[in-house]
PDB file of N, CA and C in Angstrom:
ATOM      1  N   MET A   1       0.823  -1.178   0.000  1.00  0.00           N
ATOM      2  CA  MET A   1       0.000   0.000   0.000  1.00  0.00           C
ATOM      3  C   MET A   1       0.869   1.243   0.000  1.00  0.00           C
ATOM      4  N   GLY A   2       1.950   1.171  -0.706  1.00  0.00           N
ATOM      5  CA  GLY A   2       2.872   2.292  -0.735  1.00  0.00           C
ATOM      6  C   GLY A   2       2.275   3.489  -1.440  1.00  0.00           C
ATOM      7  N   GLY A   3       2.874   4.621  -1.191  1.00  0.00           N
ATOM      8  CA  GLY A   3       2.379   5.848  -1.785  1.00  0.00           C
ATOM      9  C   GLY A   3       3.160   6.259  -3.014  1.00  0.00           C
ATOM     10  N   GLY A   4       3.954   5.322  -3.567  1.00  0.00           N
ATOM     11  CA  GLY A   4       4.768   5.635  -4.727  1.00  0.00           C
ATOM     12  C   GLY A   4       3.931   5.795  -5.985  1.00  0.00           C
ATOM     13  N   PRO A   5       4.578   6.228  -7.060  1.00  0.00           N
ATOM     14  CA  PRO A   5       3.835   6.407  -8.320  1.00  0.00           C
ATOM     15  C   PRO A   5       3.355   5.073  -8.873  1.00  0.00           C
ATOM     16  N   ARG A   6       2.196   5.094  -9.466  1.00  0.00           N
ATOM     17  CA  ARG A   6       1.650   3.885 -10.092  1.00  0.00           C
ATOM     18  C   ARG A   6       2.338   3.658 -11.421  1.00  0.00           C
ATOM     19  N   GLN A   7       2.627   2.415 -11.686  1.00  0.00           N
ATOM     20  CA  GLN A   7       3.208   2.090 -12.992  1.00  0.00           C
ATOM     21  C   GLN A   7       2.094   1.988 -14.005  1.00  0.00           C
ATOM     22  N   ARG A   8       2.348   2.543 -15.166  1.00  0.00           N
ATOM     23  CA  ARG A   8       1.366   2.510 -16.250  1.00  0.00           C
ATOM     24  C   ARG A   8       1.892   1.624 -17.351  1.00  0.00           C
ATOM     25  N   GLY A   9       0.984   1.023 -18.065  1.00  0.00           N
ATOM     26  CA  GLY A   9       1.368   0.244 -19.227  1.00  0.00           C
ATOM     27  C   GLY A   9       1.789   1.184 -20.335  1.00  0.00           C
ATOM     28  N   PRO A  10       2.249   0.619 -21.435  1.00  0.00           N
ATOM     29  CA  PRO A  10       2.647   1.481 -22.552  1.00  0.00           C
ATOM     30  C   PRO A  10       1.447   2.285 -23.038  1.00  0.00           C
ATOM     31  N   SER A  11       1.672   3.546 -23.249  1.00  0.00           N
ATOM     32  CA  SER A  11       0.564   4.387 -23.696  1.00  0.00           C
ATOM     33  C   SER A  11       0.231   4.046 -25.149  1.00  0.00           C
ATOM     34  N   THR A  12      -1.020   4.196 -25.462  1.00  0.00           N
ATOM     35  CA  THR A  12      -1.462   3.906 -26.816  1.00  0.00           C
ATOM     36  C   THR A  12      -1.365   5.158 -27.662  1.00  0.00           C
ATOM     37  N   LEU A  13      -1.253   4.950 -28.927  1.00  0.00           N
ATOM     38  CA  LEU A  13      -1.154   6.058 -29.869  1.00  0.00           C
ATOM     39  C   LEU A  13      -2.539   6.429 -30.383  1.00  0.00           C
ATOM     40  N   SER A  14      -2.723   7.700 -30.663  1.00  0.00           N
ATOM     41  CA  SER A  14      -3.956   8.142 -31.310  1.00  0.00           C
ATOM     42  C   SER A  14      -3.911   7.679 -32.767  1.00  0.00           C
ATOM     43  N   ALA A  15      -5.024   7.768 -33.448  1.00  0.00           N
ATOM     44  CA  ALA A  15      -5.073   7.384 -34.864  1.00  0.00           C
ATOM     45  C   ALA A  15      -4.097   8.213 -35.683  1.00  0.00           C
ATOM     46  N   ALA A  16      -4.011   9.509 -35.382  1.00  0.00           N
ATOM     47  CA  ALA A  16      -3.095  10.392 -36.121  1.00  0.00           C
ATOM     48  C   ALA A  16      -1.634  10.023 -35.845  1.00  0.00           C
ATOM     49  N   GLU A  17      -1.309   9.703 -34.591  1.00  0.00           N
ATOM     50  CA  GLU A  17       0.055   9.306 -34.251  1.00  0.00           C
ATOM     51  C   GLU A  17       0.421   7.977 -34.898  1.00  0.00           C
ATOM     52  N   LEU A  18      -0.528   7.046 -34.911  1.00  0.00           N
ATOM     53  CA  LEU A  18      -0.282   5.752 -35.537  1.00  0.00           C
ATOM     54  C   LEU A  18      -0.060   5.930 -37.037  1.00  0.00           C
ATOM     55  N   GLU A  19      -0.872   6.755 -37.667  1.00  0.00           N
ATOM     56  CA  GLU A  19      -0.696   7.005 -39.100  1.00  0.00           C
ATOM     57  C   GLU A  19       0.660   7.656 -39.379  1.00  0.00           C
ATOM     58  N   ALA A  20       1.058   8.594 -38.546  1.00  0.00           N
ATOM     59  CA  ALA A  20       2.358   9.253 -38.728  1.00  0.00           C
ATOM     60  C   ALA A  20       3.502   8.248 -38.584  1.00  0.00           C
ATOM     61  N   ALA A  21       3.390   7.327 -37.624  1.00  0.00           N
ATOM     62  CA  ALA A  21       4.420   6.303 -37.434  1.00  0.00           C
ATOM     63  C   ALA A  21       4.477   5.360 -38.629  1.00  0.00           C
ATOM     64  N   VAL A  22       3.318   4.950 -39.125  1.00  0.00           N
ATOM     65  CA  VAL A  22       3.252   4.068 -40.290  1.00  0.00           C
ATOM     66  C   VAL A  22       3.821   4.779 -41.516  1.00  0.00           C
ATOM     67  N   GLU A  23       3.437   6.023 -41.714  1.00  0.00           N
ATOM     68  CA  GLU A  23       3.927   6.778 -42.861  1.00  0.00           C
ATOM     69  C   GLU A  23       5.446   6.939 -42.813  1.00  0.00           C
ATOM     70  N   ALA A  24       5.983   7.243 -41.634  1.00  0.00           N
ATOM     71  CA  ALA A  24       7.433   7.396 -41.496  1.00  0.00           C
ATOM     72  C   ALA A  24       8.151   6.076 -41.783  1.00  0.00           C
ATOM     73  N   ALA A  25       7.616   4.979 -41.274  1.00  0.00           N
ATOM     74  CA  ALA A  25       8.226   3.669 -41.520  1.00  0.00           C
ATOM     75  C   ALA A  25       8.164   3.323 -43.006  1.00  0.00           C
ATOM     76  N   LEU A  26       7.032   3.584 -43.642  1.00  0.00           N
ATOM     77  CA  LEU A  26       6.911   3.285 -45.071  1.00  0.00           C
ATOM     78  C   LEU A  26       7.861   4.155 -45.894  1.00  0.00           C
ATOM     79  N   ASN A  27       8.036   5.407 -45.510  1.00  0.00           N
ATOM     80  CA  ASN A  27       8.975   6.271 -46.232  1.00  0.00           C
ATOM     81  C   ASN A  27      10.381   5.693 -46.183  1.00  0.00           C
ATOM     82  N   ARG A  28      10.768   5.159 -45.015  1.00  0.00           N
ATOM     83  CA  ARG A  28      12.091   4.534 -44.909  1.00  0.00           C
ATOM     84  C   ARG A  28      12.159   3.259 -45.747  1.00  0.00           C
ATOM     85  N   LEU A  29      11.108   2.441 -45.679  1.00  0.00           N
ATOM     86  CA  LEU A  29      11.111   1.176 -46.417  1.00  0.00           C
ATOM     87  C   LEU A  29      11.079   1.383 -47.922  1.00  0.00           C
ATOM     88  N   PHE A  30      10.421   2.438 -48.385  1.00  0.00           N
ATOM     89  CA  PHE A  30      10.327   2.711 -49.817  1.00  0.00           C
ATOM     90  C   PHE A  30      11.443   3.633 -50.308  1.00  0.00           C
ATOM     91  N   ALA A  31      12.432   3.909 -49.465  1.00  0.00           N
ATOM     92  CA  ALA A  31      13.510   4.829 -49.846  1.00  0.00           C
ATOM     93  C   ALA A  31      14.300   4.309 -51.044  1.00  0.00           C
ATOM     94  N   GLY A  32      14.382   3.014 -51.186  1.00  0.00           N
ATOM     95  CA  GLY A  32      15.092   2.429 -52.329  1.00  0.00           C
ATOM     96  C   GLY A  32      14.170   2.304 -53.522  1.00  0.00           C
ATOM     97  N   ASP A  33      14.495   1.400 -54.391  1.00  0.00           N
ATOM     98  CA  ASP A  33      13.720   1.175 -55.619  1.00  0.00           C
ATOM     99  C   ASP A  33      12.800  -0.028 -55.414  1.00  0.00           C
ATOM    100  N   ARG A  34      11.745   0.169 -54.627  1.00  0.00           N
ATOM    101  CA  ARG A  34      10.829  -0.924 -54.296  1.00  0.00           C
ATOM    102  C   ARG A  34       9.447  -0.623 -54.829  1.00  0.00           C
ATOM    103  N   ASP A  35       8.751  -1.690 -55.204  1.00  0.00           N
ATOM    104  CA  ASP A  35       7.374  -1.559 -55.668  1.00  0.00           C
ATOM    105  C   ASP A  35       6.364  -1.793 -54.553  1.00  0.00           C
ATOM    106  N   ASP A  36       6.733  -2.668 -53.611  1.00  0.00           N
ATOM    107  CA  ASP A  36       5.807  -2.972 -52.531  1.00  0.00           C
ATOM    108  C   ASP A  36       6.573  -3.420 -51.290  1.00  0.00           C
ATOM    109  N   VAL A  37       5.851  -3.438 -50.178  1.00  0.00           N
ATOM    110  CA  VAL A  37       6.403  -3.842 -48.890  1.00  0.00           C
ATOM    111  C   VAL A  37       5.397  -4.789 -48.245  1.00  0.00           C
ATOM    112  N   PRO A  38       5.837  -5.933 -47.767  1.00  0.00           N
ATOM    113  CA  PRO A  38       4.921  -6.821 -47.047  1.00  0.00           C
ATOM    114  C   PRO A  38       4.527  -6.229 -45.690  1.00  0.00           C
ATOM    115  N   LEU A  39       3.324  -6.517 -45.262  1.00  0.00           N
ATOM    116  CA  LEU A  39       2.850  -6.032 -43.971  1.00  0.00           C
ATOM    117  C   LEU A  39       3.778  -6.483 -42.850  1.00  0.00           C
ATOM    118  N   ASP A  40       4.287  -7.707 -42.913  1.00  0.00           N
ATOM    119  CA  ASP A  40       5.208  -8.205 -41.882  1.00  0.00           C
ATOM    120  C   ASP A  40       6.461  -7.335 -41.787  1.00  0.00           C
ATOM    121  N   GLU A  41       6.955  -6.865 -42.905  1.00  0.00           N
ATOM    122  CA  GLU A  41       8.144  -6.008 -42.899  1.00  0.00           C
ATOM    123  C   GLU A  41       7.828  -4.653 -42.262  1.00  0.00           C
ATOM    124  N   LEU A  42       6.639  -4.136 -42.512  1.00  0.00           N
ATOM    125  CA  LEU A  42       6.215  -2.893 -41.862  1.00  0.00           C
ATOM    126  C   LEU A  42       6.165  -3.091 -40.348  1.00  0.00           C
ATOM    127  N   VAL A  43       5.572  -4.197 -39.907  1.00  0.00           N
ATOM    128  CA  VAL A  43       5.478  -4.475 -38.473  1.00  0.00           C
ATOM    129  C   VAL A  43       6.877  -4.552 -37.864  1.00  0.00           C
ATOM    130  N   ASN A  44       7.800  -5.247 -38.526  1.00  0.00           N
ATOM    131  CA  ASN A  44       9.170  -5.350 -38.012  1.00  0.00           C
ATOM    132  C   ASN A  44       9.849  -3.991 -37.953  1.00  0.00           C
ATOM    133  N   ALA A  45       9.644  -3.169 -38.954  1.00  0.00           N
ATOM    134  CA  ALA A  45      10.237  -1.827 -38.953  1.00  0.00           C
ATOM    135  C   ALA A  45       9.673  -0.995 -37.808  1.00  0.00           C
ATOM    136  N   LEU A  46       8.380  -1.113 -37.560  1.00  0.00           N
ATOM    137  CA  LEU A  46       7.763  -0.373 -36.458  1.00  0.00           C
ATOM    138  C   LEU A  46       8.267  -0.865 -35.104  1.00  0.00           C
ATOM    139  N   ARG A  47       8.525  -2.153 -34.984  1.00  0.00           N
ATOM    140  CA  ARG A  47       9.071  -2.680 -33.726  1.00  0.00           C
ATOM    141  C   ARG A  47      10.403  -2.015 -33.394  1.00  0.00           C
ATOM    142  N   GLN A  48      11.168  -1.705 -34.418  1.00  0.00           N
ATOM    143  CA  GLN A  48      12.485  -1.098 -34.215  1.00  0.00           C
ATOM    144  C   GLN A  48      12.400   0.403 -33.951  1.00  0.00           C
ATOM    145  N   THR A  49      11.481   1.073 -34.613  1.00  0.00           N
ATOM    146  CA  THR A  49      11.451   2.533 -34.534  1.00  0.00           C
ATOM    147  C   THR A  49      10.337   3.087 -33.658  1.00  0.00           C
ATOM    148  N   GLU A  50       9.211   2.419 -33.606  1.00  0.00           N
ATOM    149  CA  GLU A  50       8.065   2.896 -32.821  1.00  0.00           C
ATOM    150  C   GLU A  50       7.323   1.680 -32.261  1.00  0.00           C
ATOM    151  N   PRO A  51       7.864   1.091 -31.186  1.00  0.00           N
ATOM    152  CA  PRO A  51       7.268  -0.122 -30.630  1.00  0.00           C
ATOM    153  C   PRO A  51       5.798   0.026 -30.240  1.00  0.00           C
ATOM    154  N   ARG A  52       5.396   1.236 -29.839  1.00  0.00           N
ATOM    155  CA  ARG A  52       3.980   1.420 -29.485  1.00  0.00           C
ATOM    156  C   ARG A  52       3.082   1.222 -30.700  1.00  0.00           C
ATOM    157  N   ALA A  53       3.547   1.613 -31.870  1.00  0.00           N
ATOM    158  CA  ALA A  53       2.756   1.416 -33.091  1.00  0.00           C
ATOM    159  C   ALA A  53       2.662  -0.073 -33.417  1.00  0.00           C
ATOM    160  N   ALA A  54       3.772  -0.789 -33.280  1.00  0.00           N
ATOM    161  CA  ALA A  54       3.755  -2.226 -33.533  1.00  0.00           C
ATOM    162  C   ALA A  54       2.854  -2.932 -32.521  1.00  0.00           C
ATOM    163  N   ALA A  55       2.880  -2.455 -31.277  1.00  0.00           N
ATOM    164  CA  ALA A  55       2.069  -3.058 -30.221  1.00  0.00           C
ATOM    165  C   ALA A  55       0.573  -2.833 -30.435  1.00  0.00           C
ATOM    166  N   ALA A  56       0.224  -1.884 -31.272  1.00  0.00           N
ATOM    167  CA  ALA A  56      -1.192  -1.623 -31.553  1.00  0.00           C
ATOM    168  C   ALA A  56      -1.851  -2.828 -32.212  1.00  0.00           C
ATOM    169  N   GLY A  57      -1.053  -3.647 -32.888  1.00  0.00           N
ATOM    170  CA  GLY A  57      -1.572  -4.860 -33.503  1.00  0.00           C
ATOM    171  C   GLY A  57      -1.887  -4.702 -34.979  1.00  0.00           C
ATOM    172  N   ARG A  58      -1.974  -5.835 -35.623  1.00  0.00           N
ATOM    173  CA  ARG A  58      -2.226  -5.856 -37.069  1.00  0.00           C
ATOM    174  C   ARG A  58      -3.553  -5.223 -37.442  1.00  0.00           C
ATOM    175  N   GLU A  59      -4.578  -5.465 -36.647  1.00  0.00           N
ATOM    176  CA  GLU A  59      -5.894  -4.913 -36.975  1.00  0.00           C
ATOM    177  C   GLU A  59      -5.843  -3.383 -37.009  1.00  0.00           C
ATOM    178  N   ALA A  60      -5.175  -2.789 -36.031  1.00  0.00           N
ATOM    179  CA  ALA A  60      -5.043  -1.327 -35.995  1.00  0.00           C
ATOM    180  C   ALA A  60      -4.203  -0.837 -37.164  1.00  0.00           C
ATOM    181  N   LEU A  61      -3.172  -1.587 -37.524  1.00  0.00           N
ATOM    182  CA  LEU A  61      -2.337  -1.190 -38.660  1.00  0.00           C
ATOM    183  C   LEU A  61      -3.123  -1.276 -39.963  1.00  0.00           C
ATOM    184  N   VAL A  62      -3.922  -2.314 -40.122  1.00  0.00           N
ATOM    185  CA  VAL A  62      -4.740  -2.443 -41.336  1.00  0.00           C
ATOM    186  C   VAL A  62      -5.769  -1.319 -41.393  1.00  0.00           C
ATOM    187  N   THR A  63      -6.360  -0.965 -40.252  1.00  0.00           N
ATOM    188  CA  THR A  63      -7.303   0.158 -40.205  1.00  0.00           C
ATOM    189  C   THR A  63      -6.599   1.443 -40.618  1.00  0.00           C
ATOM    190  N   THR A  64      -5.364   1.625 -40.137  1.00  0.00           N
ATOM    191  CA  THR A  64      -4.575   2.807 -40.510  1.00  0.00           C
ATOM    192  C   THR A  64      -4.279   2.801 -42.000  1.00  0.00           C
ATOM    193  N   LEU A  65      -3.907   1.647 -42.529  1.00  0.00           N
ATOM    194  CA  LEU A  65      -3.634   1.547 -43.975  1.00  0.00           C
ATOM    195  C   LEU A  65      -4.897   1.811 -44.781  1.00  0.00           C
ATOM    196  N   ASP A  66      -6.056   1.375 -44.272  1.00  0.00           N
ATOM    197  CA  ASP A  66      -7.331   1.675 -44.945  1.00  0.00           C
ATOM    198  C   ASP A  66      -7.550   3.184 -45.027  1.00  0.00           C
ATOM    199  N   ALA A  67      -7.279   3.880 -43.920  1.00  0.00           N
ATOM    200  CA  ALA A  67      -7.441   5.342 -43.905  1.00  0.00           C
ATOM    201  C   ALA A  67      -6.445   5.996 -44.860  1.00  0.00           C
ATOM    202  N   MET A  68      -5.234   5.481 -44.897  1.00  0.00           N
ATOM    203  CA  MET A  68      -4.229   6.024 -45.803  1.00  0.00           C
ATOM    204  C   MET A  68      -4.599   5.731 -47.255  1.00  0.00           C
ATOM    205  N   GLU A  69      -5.216   4.592 -47.501  1.00  0.00           N
ATOM    206  CA  GLU A  69      -5.666   4.276 -48.857  1.00  0.00           C
ATOM    207  C   GLU A  69      -6.799   5.217 -49.266  1.00  0.00           C
ATOM    208  N   ALA A  70      -7.709   5.503 -48.353  1.00  0.00           N
ATOM    209  CA  ALA A  70      -8.809   6.430 -48.644  1.00  0.00           C
ATOM    210  C   ALA A  70      -8.283   7.822 -48.966  1.00  0.00           C
ATOM    211  N   ALA A  71      -7.117   8.165 -48.395  1.00  0.00           N
ATOM    212  CA  ALA A  71      -6.495   9.473 -48.662  1.00  0.00           C
ATOM    213  C   ALA A  71      -5.534   9.408 -49.845  1.00  0.00           C
ATOM    214  N   ASN A  72      -5.566   8.297 -50.586  1.00  0.00           N
ATOM    215  CA  ASN A  72      -4.716   8.094 -51.771  1.00  0.00           C
ATOM    216  C   ASN A  72      -3.224   8.169 -51.476  1.00  0.00           C
ATOM    217  N   LYS A  73      -2.818   7.664 -50.303  1.00  0.00           N
ATOM    218  CA  LYS A  73      -1.398   7.633 -49.950  1.00  0.00           C
ATOM    219  C   LYS A  73      -0.773   6.278 -50.272  1.00  0.00           C
ATOM    220  N   VAL A  74      -1.519   5.208 -50.034  1.00  0.00           N
ATOM    221  CA  VAL A  74      -1.025   3.859 -50.282  1.00  0.00           C
ATOM    222  C   VAL A  74      -2.161   2.992 -50.815  1.00  0.00           C
ATOM    223  N   MET A  75      -1.781   1.825 -51.274  1.00  0.00           N
ATOM    224  CA  MET A  75      -2.748   0.784 -51.613  1.00  0.00           C
ATOM    225  C   MET A  75      -2.249  -0.476 -50.934  1.00  0.00           C
ATOM    226  N   HIS A  76      -3.128  -1.220 -50.306  1.00  0.00           N
ATOM    227  CA  HIS A  76      -2.680  -2.474 -49.706  1.00  0.00           C
ATOM    228  C   HIS A  76      -3.666  -3.581 -50.049  1.00  0.00           C
ATOM    229  N   ARG A  77      -3.078  -4.672 -50.493  1.00  0.00           N
ATOM    230  CA  ARG A  77      -3.851  -5.846 -50.886  1.00  0.00           C
ATOM    231  C   ARG A  77      -3.072  -7.089 -50.504  1.00  0.00           C
ATOM    232  N   GLU A  78      -3.780  -8.065 -49.977  1.00  0.00           N
ATOM    233  CA  GLU A  78      -3.199  -9.380 -49.690  1.00  0.00           C
ATOM    234  C   GLU A  78      -1.871  -9.288 -48.933  1.00  0.00           C
ATOM    235  N   GLY A  79      -1.815  -8.409 -47.931  1.00  0.00           N
ATOM    236  CA  GLY A  79      -0.629  -8.310 -47.096  1.00  0.00           C
ATOM    237  C   GLY A  79       0.527  -7.551 -47.706  1.00  0.00           C
ATOM    238  N   ARG A  80       0.286  -6.855 -48.818  1.00  0.00           N
ATOM    239  CA  ARG A  80       1.360  -6.079 -49.470  1.00  0.00           C
ATOM    240  C   ARG A  80       0.902  -4.642 -49.593  1.00  0.00           C
ATOM    241  N   ILE A  81       1.851  -3.736 -49.360  1.00  0.00           N
ATOM    242  CA  ILE A  81       1.560  -2.296 -49.385  1.00  0.00           C
ATOM    243  C   ILE A  81       2.281  -1.680 -50.565  1.00  0.00           C
ATOM    244  N   HIS A  82       1.571  -0.877 -51.335  1.00  0.00           N
ATOM    245  CA  HIS A  82       2.117  -0.195 -52.509  1.00  0.00           C
ATOM    246  C   HIS A  82       1.911   1.296 -52.338  1.00  0.00           C
ATOM    247  N   LEU A  83       2.880   2.087 -52.736  1.00  0.00           N
ATOM    248  CA  LEU A  83       2.687   3.540 -52.771  1.00  0.00           C
ATOM    249  C   LEU A  83       1.871   3.904 -53.994  1.00  0.00           C
ATOM    250  N   ILE A  84       1.093   4.940 -53.873  1.00  0.00           N
ATOM    251  CA  ILE A  84       0.298   5.414 -55.011  1.00  0.00           C
ATOM    252  C   ILE A  84       1.028   6.574 -55.656  1.00  0.00           C
TER     253      ILE A  84
END
């Protein structure tokens, strides 16, 4: 029953923060001469640069990619992400 600070779990990212993290990771992954990036590679890149985004889970990442697709930033099909 100590009076010390409570430990909190990792904070979650807002939709805008998650999109910014995904966009930054994709910019790094597409820096070379690539046509597409597998979703697994995006998740691995996020684990290295923004673990909170990776911890959001695949469903949240797919939702983010859907929003980015609606904004004509990317296209994703069958686990592969393409820049538009």
